[in-house]
Protein backbone atom coordinates (compact mmCIF):
# COMPACT_ATOMS: atom_id res chain seq x y z
CA MET A 1 -26.73 113.46 -2.78
CA LYS A 2 -26.78 111.16 0.22
CA LEU A 3 -30.10 111.27 2.11
CA ASP A 4 -30.74 110.40 5.74
CA THR A 5 -31.96 106.94 6.60
CA ILE A 6 -35.59 107.23 7.62
CA VAL A 7 -37.87 104.96 9.64
CA ALA A 8 -41.63 104.85 10.20
CA LEU A 9 -44.48 102.52 10.95
CA ALA A 10 -46.07 101.57 7.60
CA THR A 11 -49.25 100.07 9.07
CA PRO A 12 -51.95 101.73 11.22
CA PRO A 13 -50.90 102.53 14.82
CA MET A 14 -53.18 99.97 16.47
CA LYS A 15 -53.11 96.47 17.86
CA SER A 16 -53.14 93.84 15.12
CA ALA A 17 -51.73 90.45 14.22
CA LEU A 18 -48.74 92.00 12.42
CA ALA A 19 -47.20 95.41 11.86
CA ILE A 20 -44.59 96.65 9.38
CA ILE A 21 -41.77 99.08 10.06
CA ARG A 22 -40.12 100.53 6.97
CA VAL A 23 -36.51 101.74 6.86
CA SER A 24 -35.04 103.46 3.79
CA GLY A 25 -31.74 105.12 2.95
CA GLU A 26 -28.22 104.42 1.80
CA ASP A 27 -27.14 103.35 5.29
CA CYS A 28 -30.25 101.36 6.16
CA PHE A 29 -28.56 97.93 5.82
CA ASP A 30 -25.83 99.08 8.21
CA ILE A 31 -28.29 100.46 10.74
CA VAL A 32 -30.60 97.44 10.65
CA SER A 33 -27.63 95.05 10.96
CA GLU A 34 -26.77 96.69 14.29
CA VAL A 35 -30.12 95.62 15.79
CA PHE A 36 -30.79 92.39 13.86
CA SER A 37 -29.48 88.94 14.73
CA LYS A 38 -28.07 88.56 11.19
CA ASP A 39 -25.73 90.79 9.19
CA ILE A 40 -27.51 92.03 6.05
CA ARG A 41 -24.80 94.47 4.87
CA ASN A 42 -23.85 92.33 1.87
CA THR A 43 -27.42 91.96 0.56
CA ASP A 44 -27.25 92.39 -3.22
CA LYS A 45 -30.82 91.49 -4.19
CA LYS A 46 -34.25 91.17 -2.63
CA THR A 47 -33.81 88.80 0.32
CA ILE A 48 -36.03 87.51 3.13
CA TYR A 49 -34.52 86.96 6.56
CA VAL A 50 -35.95 85.48 9.74
CA GLY A 51 -34.37 86.46 13.04
CA ASN A 52 -34.60 88.63 16.13
CA ILE A 53 -34.47 92.36 16.82
CA ILE A 54 -32.02 92.69 19.69
CA ASP A 55 -31.24 95.57 22.04
CA GLN A 56 -27.85 94.64 23.51
CA ASP A 57 -28.59 91.13 24.88
CA LYS A 58 -32.35 91.55 25.06
CA VAL A 59 -34.61 90.13 22.35
CA ILE A 60 -37.35 92.64 21.52
CA ASP A 61 -39.20 90.49 18.98
CA GLU A 62 -38.85 87.66 16.50
CA VAL A 63 -39.36 89.16 13.03
CA VAL A 64 -39.42 88.56 9.30
CA LEU A 65 -37.23 91.04 7.46
CA LEU A 66 -37.44 91.91 3.76
CA ALA A 67 -34.34 93.62 2.38
CA TYR A 68 -34.48 95.39 -1.01
CA LYS A 69 -31.25 96.46 -2.69
CA GLY A 70 -31.55 99.86 -4.35
CA PRO A 71 -32.50 100.88 -6.93
CA LYS A 72 -34.85 97.88 -7.08
CA SER A 73 -37.06 99.09 -4.26
CA PHE A 74 -40.08 101.37 -3.86
CA THR A 75 -37.94 104.37 -2.93
CA GLY A 76 -35.05 103.53 -5.25
CA GLU A 77 -32.77 103.28 -2.19
CA ASN A 78 -31.74 100.41 0.02
CA LEU A 79 -34.93 99.57 1.88
CA VAL A 80 -35.89 97.19 4.68
CA GLU A 81 -39.35 96.20 5.84
CA ILE A 82 -39.45 94.65 9.30
CA ILE A 83 -42.55 92.56 9.96
CA ILE A 84 -43.17 92.40 13.69
CA HIS A 85 -45.96 91.18 15.96
CA GLY A 86 -48.66 93.84 15.92
CA SER A 87 -48.12 95.33 19.36
CA MET A 88 -47.58 99.10 19.48
CA LEU A 89 -45.32 98.52 22.48
CA ILE A 90 -43.03 96.37 20.29
CA ALA A 91 -43.28 98.76 17.35
CA ASN A 92 -42.27 101.73 19.47
CA GLU A 93 -39.35 99.81 20.98
CA VAL A 94 -38.01 98.81 17.55
CA ILE A 95 -38.39 102.32 16.13
CA LYS A 96 -36.72 103.86 19.18
CA LEU A 97 -33.83 101.41 18.81
CA LEU A 98 -33.37 102.25 15.11
CA LEU A 99 -33.43 105.96 15.91
CA SER A 100 -30.65 105.44 18.44
CA LYS A 101 -28.51 103.86 15.69
CA GLY A 102 -28.73 106.87 13.37
CA ALA A 103 -32.08 106.71 11.58
CA ARG A 104 -34.60 109.53 11.86
CA MET A 105 -38.39 109.57 11.77
CA ALA A 106 -39.81 109.93 8.28
CA SER A 107 -42.03 112.91 7.57
CA ASN A 108 -45.46 112.63 5.94
CA GLY A 109 -45.18 111.18 2.44
CA GLU A 110 -41.38 111.01 2.53
CA TYR A 111 -41.13 107.46 1.19
CA SER A 112 -43.26 108.38 -1.83
CA SER A 113 -41.32 111.62 -2.18
CA ARG A 114 -38.05 109.69 -2.39
CA ALA A 115 -39.58 107.33 -4.96
CA PHE A 116 -40.48 110.40 -7.02
CA LEU A 117 -37.05 112.04 -6.61
CA ASN A 118 -35.35 108.79 -7.60
CA ASN A 119 -37.52 108.50 -10.75
CA LYS A 120 -39.31 105.37 -9.56
CA ILE A 121 -42.66 107.07 -10.03
CA ASP A 122 -43.86 110.33 -11.59
CA LEU A 123 -46.01 112.91 -9.82
CA ILE A 124 -49.25 111.47 -11.20
CA GLN A 125 -48.37 108.07 -9.71
CA ALA A 126 -47.37 109.70 -6.41
CA GLU A 127 -50.76 111.43 -6.18
CA ALA A 128 -52.44 108.14 -7.05
CA ILE A 129 -50.89 106.45 -4.01
CA ASN A 130 -52.74 108.87 -1.77
CA ASP A 131 -55.90 108.54 -3.86
CA VAL A 132 -55.89 104.73 -3.50
CA ILE A 133 -55.54 105.05 0.27
CA ASN A 134 -58.35 107.61 0.54
CA ALA A 135 -60.75 106.08 -2.00
CA THR A 136 -64.28 105.78 -0.62
CA SER A 137 -65.71 103.65 -3.44
CA LYS A 138 -64.56 100.72 -5.55
CA GLU A 139 -64.92 102.86 -8.67
CA ALA A 140 -62.68 105.61 -7.29
CA LYS A 141 -60.13 103.03 -6.21
CA ASP A 142 -60.09 101.41 -9.64
CA LEU A 143 -59.43 104.77 -11.34
CA SER A 144 -56.61 105.51 -8.91
CA ILE A 145 -55.05 102.11 -9.58
CA LEU A 146 -54.90 102.96 -13.30
CA SER A 147 -52.94 106.11 -12.47
CA LEU A 148 -50.71 104.22 -10.04
CA LYS A 149 -49.82 101.71 -12.77
CA GLY A 150 -48.74 104.56 -15.04
CA ASN A 151 -51.63 104.27 -17.51
CA THR A 152 -52.65 107.90 -16.99
CA SER A 153 -49.12 109.20 -17.49
CA GLU A 154 -48.92 107.41 -20.83
CA LEU A 155 -51.81 109.53 -22.13
CA ILE A 156 -49.80 112.76 -21.95
CA LEU A 157 -46.45 111.44 -23.21
CA PRO A 158 -47.31 111.66 -26.96
CA ILE A 159 -48.44 115.28 -26.45
CA LYS A 160 -45.25 116.04 -24.56
CA LYS A 161 -43.17 114.59 -27.41
CA ARG A 162 -45.04 116.50 -30.15
CA LEU A 163 -44.63 119.78 -28.28
CA ALA A 164 -40.92 119.08 -27.80
CA ASP A 165 -40.65 118.33 -31.52
CA LEU A 166 -42.28 121.61 -32.46
CA ILE A 167 -40.31 123.78 -30.02
CA SER A 168 -36.99 122.26 -31.00
CA LEU A 169 -37.87 122.63 -34.69
CA ILE A 170 -38.47 126.33 -34.12
CA GLU A 171 -35.12 126.63 -32.34
CA VAL A 172 -33.38 124.92 -35.25
CA ASN A 173 -34.85 127.41 -37.70
CA ILE A 174 -33.96 130.39 -35.51
CA ASP A 175 -30.45 129.35 -34.46
CA TYR A 176 -29.30 127.32 -37.47
CA PRO A 177 -30.88 128.90 -40.56
CA GLU A 178 -27.95 127.82 -42.74
CA TYR A 179 -29.06 124.15 -42.69
CA GLU A 180 -31.41 123.97 -45.64
CA ASP A 181 -32.27 120.29 -45.17
CA ILE A 182 -34.05 120.97 -41.87
CA GLU A 183 -37.85 121.14 -41.95
CA VAL A 184 -39.10 124.72 -42.01
CA ALA A 185 -40.98 125.88 -38.90
CA ASN A 186 -43.35 128.48 -40.29
CA LYS A 187 -46.72 129.67 -39.04
CA ASP A 188 -48.60 127.08 -41.08
CA THR A 189 -46.57 124.35 -39.38
CA ILE A 190 -47.43 125.76 -35.94
CA ILE A 191 -51.14 125.92 -36.77
CA LYS A 192 -51.00 122.32 -38.01
CA TYR A 193 -49.43 121.14 -34.73
CA VAL A 194 -51.93 123.10 -32.63
CA ASP A 195 -54.89 121.74 -34.58
CA GLU A 196 -53.55 118.24 -33.95
CA LEU A 197 -52.90 118.66 -30.21
CA SER A 198 -55.74 120.93 -29.01
CA PRO A 199 -58.55 118.36 -29.50
CA LYS A 200 -56.48 115.77 -27.63
CA LEU A 201 -56.01 118.10 -24.66
CA ASP A 202 -59.72 118.98 -24.67
CA GLU A 203 -60.61 115.29 -24.70
CA LEU A 204 -58.27 114.60 -21.78
CA THR A 205 -59.82 117.51 -19.88
CA LYS A 206 -63.35 116.23 -20.45
CA SER A 207 -62.49 112.69 -19.34
CA GLY A 208 -60.63 114.14 -16.34
CA GLU A 209 -63.70 116.10 -15.25
CA GLN A 210 -65.75 112.91 -15.35
CA GLY A 211 -63.00 111.06 -13.49
CA LEU A 212 -63.03 113.76 -10.81
CA LEU A 213 -66.76 113.19 -10.29
CA ILE A 214 -66.18 109.44 -9.92
CA LYS A 215 -63.27 109.94 -7.54
CA GLU A 216 -64.64 112.68 -5.30
CA GLY A 217 -68.39 112.52 -5.85
CA ILE A 218 -70.69 115.54 -5.81
CA LYS A 219 -72.46 117.68 -3.22
CA VAL A 220 -76.24 117.42 -3.53
CA ALA A 221 -78.46 119.83 -1.59
CA ILE A 222 -82.09 118.95 -0.95
CA VAL A 223 -84.08 122.18 -0.64
CA GLY A 224 -87.70 123.17 -0.40
CA LYS A 225 -90.19 124.81 1.91
CA PRO A 226 -90.98 123.13 5.25
CA ASN A 227 -92.81 119.81 5.30
CA VAL A 228 -92.41 118.87 1.62
CA GLY A 229 -90.52 115.66 2.52
CA LYS A 230 -86.85 116.66 2.31
CA SER A 231 -85.81 114.55 5.29
CA SER A 232 -87.85 111.60 4.04
CA LEU A 233 -86.01 111.90 0.73
CA LEU A 234 -82.60 111.89 2.44
CA ASN A 235 -83.58 108.75 4.34
CA ALA A 236 -84.89 107.08 1.18
CA LEU A 237 -81.75 107.86 -0.80
CA ILE A 238 -79.25 106.65 1.83
CA GLY A 239 -81.40 103.73 2.96
CA GLU A 240 -81.49 104.58 6.67
CA ASP A 241 -83.45 106.78 9.07
CA LYS A 242 -80.81 109.43 9.60
CA ALA A 243 -83.01 112.53 9.53
CA ILE A 244 -85.95 113.03 11.88
CA VAL A 245 -89.27 112.94 10.03
CA THR A 246 -92.45 114.46 11.50
CA ASP A 247 -95.57 116.25 10.25
CA ILE A 248 -94.43 119.37 12.10
CA ALA A 249 -93.13 122.03 9.70
CA GLY A 250 -89.61 123.23 10.55
CA THR A 251 -88.45 120.00 12.24
CA THR A 252 -85.06 120.19 10.48
CA ARG A 253 -83.19 123.19 11.92
CA ASP A 254 -79.67 122.34 10.71
CA VAL A 255 -78.05 120.68 7.71
CA VAL A 256 -78.11 116.87 7.99
CA GLU A 257 -75.60 114.98 5.85
CA GLY A 258 -75.57 111.51 4.34
CA GLU A 259 -73.81 109.60 1.56
CA VAL A 260 -74.92 107.10 -1.04
CA ASN A 261 -73.19 105.41 -3.97
CA LEU A 262 -75.29 105.95 -7.08
CA LYS A 263 -74.07 103.65 -9.85
CA GLY A 264 -70.46 104.33 -8.89
CA ILE A 265 -70.82 108.04 -8.05
CA THR A 266 -70.75 109.12 -4.40
CA LEU A 267 -73.49 111.61 -3.59
CA HIS A 268 -72.71 113.77 -0.55
CA ILE A 269 -76.29 114.67 0.31
CA LEU A 270 -77.29 117.68 2.42
CA ASP A 271 -80.79 117.76 3.87
CA THR A 272 -81.46 121.43 4.60
CA ALA A 273 -83.90 123.30 6.77
CA GLY A 274 -87.14 124.38 5.09
CA ILE A 275 -86.80 127.77 3.43
CA ARG A 276 -89.44 130.25 4.53
CA ASN A 277 -89.76 133.54 6.41
CA ALA A 278 -88.85 132.18 9.83
CA ASP A 279 -90.31 133.68 13.00
CA ASN A 280 -87.56 132.67 15.43
CA LYS A 281 -83.79 133.04 15.60
CA VAL A 282 -82.94 129.31 15.56
CA GLU A 283 -85.00 128.61 12.43
CA THR A 284 -83.59 131.72 10.76
CA ILE A 285 -80.08 130.37 11.24
CA GLY A 286 -81.21 127.08 9.68
CA VAL A 287 -82.67 128.90 6.66
CA ASP A 288 -79.43 130.86 6.20
CA LYS A 289 -77.49 127.57 6.20
CA SER A 290 -79.86 126.19 3.57
CA ILE A 291 -79.21 129.15 1.29
CA ASP A 292 -75.46 128.71 1.82
CA ALA A 293 -75.77 124.99 0.96
CA ILE A 294 -77.41 125.93 -2.36
CA LYS A 295 -74.40 128.09 -3.26
CA LYS A 296 -71.91 125.34 -2.42
CA ALA A 297 -73.78 122.40 -3.97
CA ASP A 298 -72.87 120.85 -7.32
CA LEU A 299 -76.50 119.78 -7.76
CA VAL A 300 -79.68 121.08 -6.10
CA LEU A 301 -82.83 118.99 -5.71
CA VAL A 302 -85.78 121.37 -5.44
CA ILE A 303 -88.60 119.49 -3.71
CA LEU A 304 -92.20 120.52 -4.39
CA ASP A 305 -95.35 119.02 -2.88
CA ALA A 306 -97.21 117.19 -5.65
CA SER A 307 -100.37 117.05 -3.53
CA SER A 308 -100.80 120.84 -3.38
CA GLU A 309 -100.54 123.88 -5.61
CA ILE A 310 -97.27 125.76 -6.01
CA ASP A 311 -97.34 128.82 -3.74
CA LYS A 312 -95.23 131.92 -3.09
CA GLU A 313 -92.70 130.03 -0.96
CA ASP A 314 -92.19 127.48 -3.74
CA ASN A 315 -91.73 130.24 -6.31
CA LYS A 316 -89.21 131.97 -4.06
CA ILE A 317 -87.13 128.77 -3.89
CA LEU A 318 -87.41 128.23 -7.65
CA GLU A 319 -86.15 131.79 -8.17
CA LEU A 320 -83.36 131.26 -5.62
CA THR A 321 -82.09 128.16 -7.44
CA LYS A 322 -82.62 129.23 -11.06
CA ASP A 323 -78.88 129.67 -11.70
CA SER A 324 -77.93 126.38 -10.01
CA GLN A 325 -77.57 122.96 -11.55
CA ARG A 326 -80.92 121.65 -10.36
CA ILE A 327 -83.58 118.99 -10.68
CA ILE A 328 -87.17 119.86 -9.80
CA VAL A 329 -88.82 116.97 -7.97
CA TYR A 330 -92.49 116.46 -7.11
CA ASN A 331 -92.77 114.52 -3.85
CA LYS A 332 -95.88 112.93 -2.26
CA SER A 333 -97.04 111.68 -5.65
CA ASP A 334 -98.98 108.95 -3.79
CA LYS A 335 -101.23 111.70 -2.39
CA SER A 336 -101.69 113.55 -5.65
CA LYS A 337 -104.94 113.23 -7.62
CA SER A 338 -103.28 113.95 -10.97
CA ILE A 339 -99.76 113.06 -12.07
CA ASN A 340 -97.89 114.68 -14.93
CA LYS A 341 -95.75 111.85 -16.31
CA ASP A 342 -93.35 114.34 -17.91
CA LEU A 343 -92.24 115.48 -14.44
CA ILE A 344 -90.13 113.66 -11.86
CA ASN A 345 -92.65 112.25 -9.39
CA ILE A 346 -91.60 110.39 -6.25
CA SER A 347 -92.93 109.22 -2.91
CA ALA A 348 -89.99 109.59 -0.54
CA LEU A 349 -91.90 108.28 2.47
CA ASN A 350 -92.69 105.06 0.58
CA GLY A 351 -89.16 104.75 -0.81
CA ASP A 352 -90.29 105.30 -4.39
CA VAL A 353 -87.30 107.37 -5.63
CA GLU A 354 -85.92 105.38 -8.57
CA SER A 355 -87.03 107.94 -11.14
CA LEU A 356 -85.08 110.61 -9.24
CA LYS A 357 -81.96 108.43 -9.07
CA ASP A 358 -82.15 107.94 -12.83
CA ALA A 359 -82.56 111.70 -13.34
CA ILE A 360 -79.56 112.48 -11.13
CA TYR A 361 -77.34 110.01 -12.98
CA LYS A 362 -78.49 111.35 -16.35
CA LYS A 363 -77.82 114.92 -15.19
CA LEU A 364 -74.22 114.02 -14.32
CA GLY A 365 -73.58 112.84 -17.88
CA ILE A 366 -71.09 110.15 -16.85
CA SER A 367 -70.30 107.63 -19.58
CA GLU A 368 -69.71 103.99 -18.68
CA LYS A 369 -66.31 104.28 -20.36
CA SER A 370 -65.21 106.82 -17.73
CA PHE A 371 -65.16 104.14 -15.03
CA VAL A 372 -62.48 102.10 -16.81
CA THR A 373 -60.50 104.82 -18.60
CA PRO A 374 -57.41 106.40 -17.00
CA SER A 375 -57.88 110.13 -16.50
CA PHE A 376 -56.29 113.25 -15.06
CA ASN A 377 -58.81 113.44 -12.26
CA ASN A 378 -57.59 115.94 -9.71
CA VAL A 379 -57.82 119.72 -9.63
CA ARG A 380 -54.06 120.26 -10.11
CA GLN A 381 -53.86 118.05 -13.19
CA LEU A 382 -57.02 119.47 -14.74
CA GLY A 383 -55.84 123.03 -14.16
CA LEU A 384 -52.57 122.32 -15.96
CA LEU A 385 -54.36 120.60 -18.85
CA ARG A 386 -56.52 123.68 -19.30
CA ARG A 387 -53.47 125.94 -19.10
CA SER A 388 -51.68 123.93 -21.77
CA SER A 389 -54.75 124.00 -24.02
CA GLU A 390 -55.22 127.76 -23.59
CA SER A 391 -51.53 128.39 -24.36
CA LEU A 392 -51.76 126.34 -27.54
CA LYS A 393 -54.82 128.27 -28.66
CA LYS A 394 -52.97 131.52 -27.90
CA ALA A 395 -50.09 130.31 -30.08
CA LYS A 396 -52.49 129.63 -32.95
CA GLU A 397 -54.11 133.05 -32.50
CA ASP A 398 -50.67 134.70 -32.58
CA ALA A 399 -49.79 132.79 -35.73
CA LEU A 400 -53.01 133.85 -37.43
CA ASN A 401 -52.25 137.45 -36.39
CA ASP A 402 -48.86 137.13 -38.09
CA LEU A 403 -46.69 137.57 -34.98
CA SER A 404 -43.06 136.59 -35.23
CA ILE A 405 -42.10 132.95 -34.64
CA ASP A 406 -40.06 133.69 -31.53
CA LEU A 407 -43.05 135.39 -29.88
CA ILE A 408 -45.35 132.51 -30.80
CA ALA A 409 -42.82 130.14 -29.25
CA VAL A 410 -43.42 131.75 -25.82
CA SER A 411 -46.96 130.35 -25.71
CA LEU A 412 -45.80 126.99 -27.03
CA MET A 413 -43.19 126.78 -24.28
CA ASP A 414 -45.82 127.60 -21.65
CA ALA A 415 -48.00 124.78 -23.01
CA TYR A 416 -45.01 122.44 -22.83
CA ASN A 417 -44.12 123.50 -19.28
CA ALA A 418 -47.69 122.84 -18.15
CA VAL A 419 -47.45 119.28 -19.50
CA LEU A 420 -44.14 118.80 -17.67
CA GLU A 421 -45.72 120.04 -14.44
CA ILE A 422 -48.47 117.44 -14.75
CA LEU A 423 -45.80 114.74 -14.67
CA GLY A 424 -43.78 116.57 -12.01
CA GLU A 425 -40.84 117.12 -14.33
CA ASN A 426 -38.66 120.20 -14.46
CA ASN A 427 -38.12 121.78 -17.85
CA GLN A 428 -35.17 119.67 -18.83
CA LEU A 429 -35.75 119.89 -22.56
CA ASP A 430 -32.26 119.51 -23.99
CA LEU A 431 -32.75 121.61 -27.09
CA SER A 432 -29.29 120.88 -28.39
CA LYS A 433 -30.02 117.14 -28.29
CA GLU A 434 -33.39 117.62 -29.99
CA ILE A 435 -31.88 119.97 -32.56
CA PHE A 436 -28.90 117.88 -33.58
CA SER A 437 -31.03 114.73 -33.77
CA ARG A 438 -32.59 116.32 -36.85
CA PHE A 439 -29.31 116.85 -38.67
CA CYS A 440 -28.23 114.52 -41.43
CA VAL A 441 -25.72 111.80 -40.54
CA GLY A 442 -22.21 113.24 -40.91
CA LYS A 443 -23.25 116.86 -40.36
């Protein structure tokens, strides 16, 4: 199918030294030749040109032009990148001129979409492009690069092949029972395959969950009664005076946010209003937001005052957070007369929070290997991994319950389809090809 030729600015829409305009489509060499001082229609390999973009007799800009002959391009189509001077006035003129010659504006992600449709990248790699662009830490970027290079996709390919082997073997036994030299697909065989593949899927899911933490970070809520040092702790963790700190209880009336990179993990920290029975409407709203932050947080830091006894307000907060992932922290340890070394003691005001940082990192359970190992680290991929694993376990359960092979195959096919969806592939399993590949030569 012939697709439209598309054009778009490939660099940020702002003044800079250079800007790049990307043109892709079967007719892109023809369209660009109409506005370029040289004819590039006969380009048969990657070629660099230097010349002018011309509108009738008027030179718009002197440019460097990179022409890529499809399928050896990012999109798999003929593609041209026009490097212009980084003026948005020039960029808009060039794009307007290309539109007048038959190109159309590209939609969001359309270049990557065409690369996917033309089998230049799979869906995991396509998602990784966006992840690389949006990465907020070096560690997240490095993980996304692994997926972009195809390393993550390679992890699922052996599982895909083994599932295809099993499904096609079942089809052989059902549709061609007369061939006695074909391996028998009985329930024991199915259980053997499932026992081989299930641990691999579970391992991929676990590494993906850790990869998701590295890529997206976690929400951390700092909670406690008024004046226990929550704002001081936020400032100490992020290394700047973002939250207002006073001796007046109830200073923080709204959620204050900050971010810090803790050994490669981004902590999205929420400093909340002190939780107590408020006596005015504004503070009540702040307390309600604090309680909501607890519900939404991945990790809750419950701050207690080490220099005083635990009271009813403290106990209320401990009860409120008992079902949350939490760390109980004793602040103002510098003012305490006795310190229990088995507890996490800090002095936020003095910046003494290393023990808490260590406790947070330990709580996350991230292995050093996770930072350099490709993983299925987005919600879509993880959901499909879990679906595939659950379907395999259902197939084993059906086999143990002595269901018929064709019914067991339904769960196996669902597991296979989930794997295909991870890669962005349709179910194109050519069963006839898989089946006949198992026949003896000459059959």
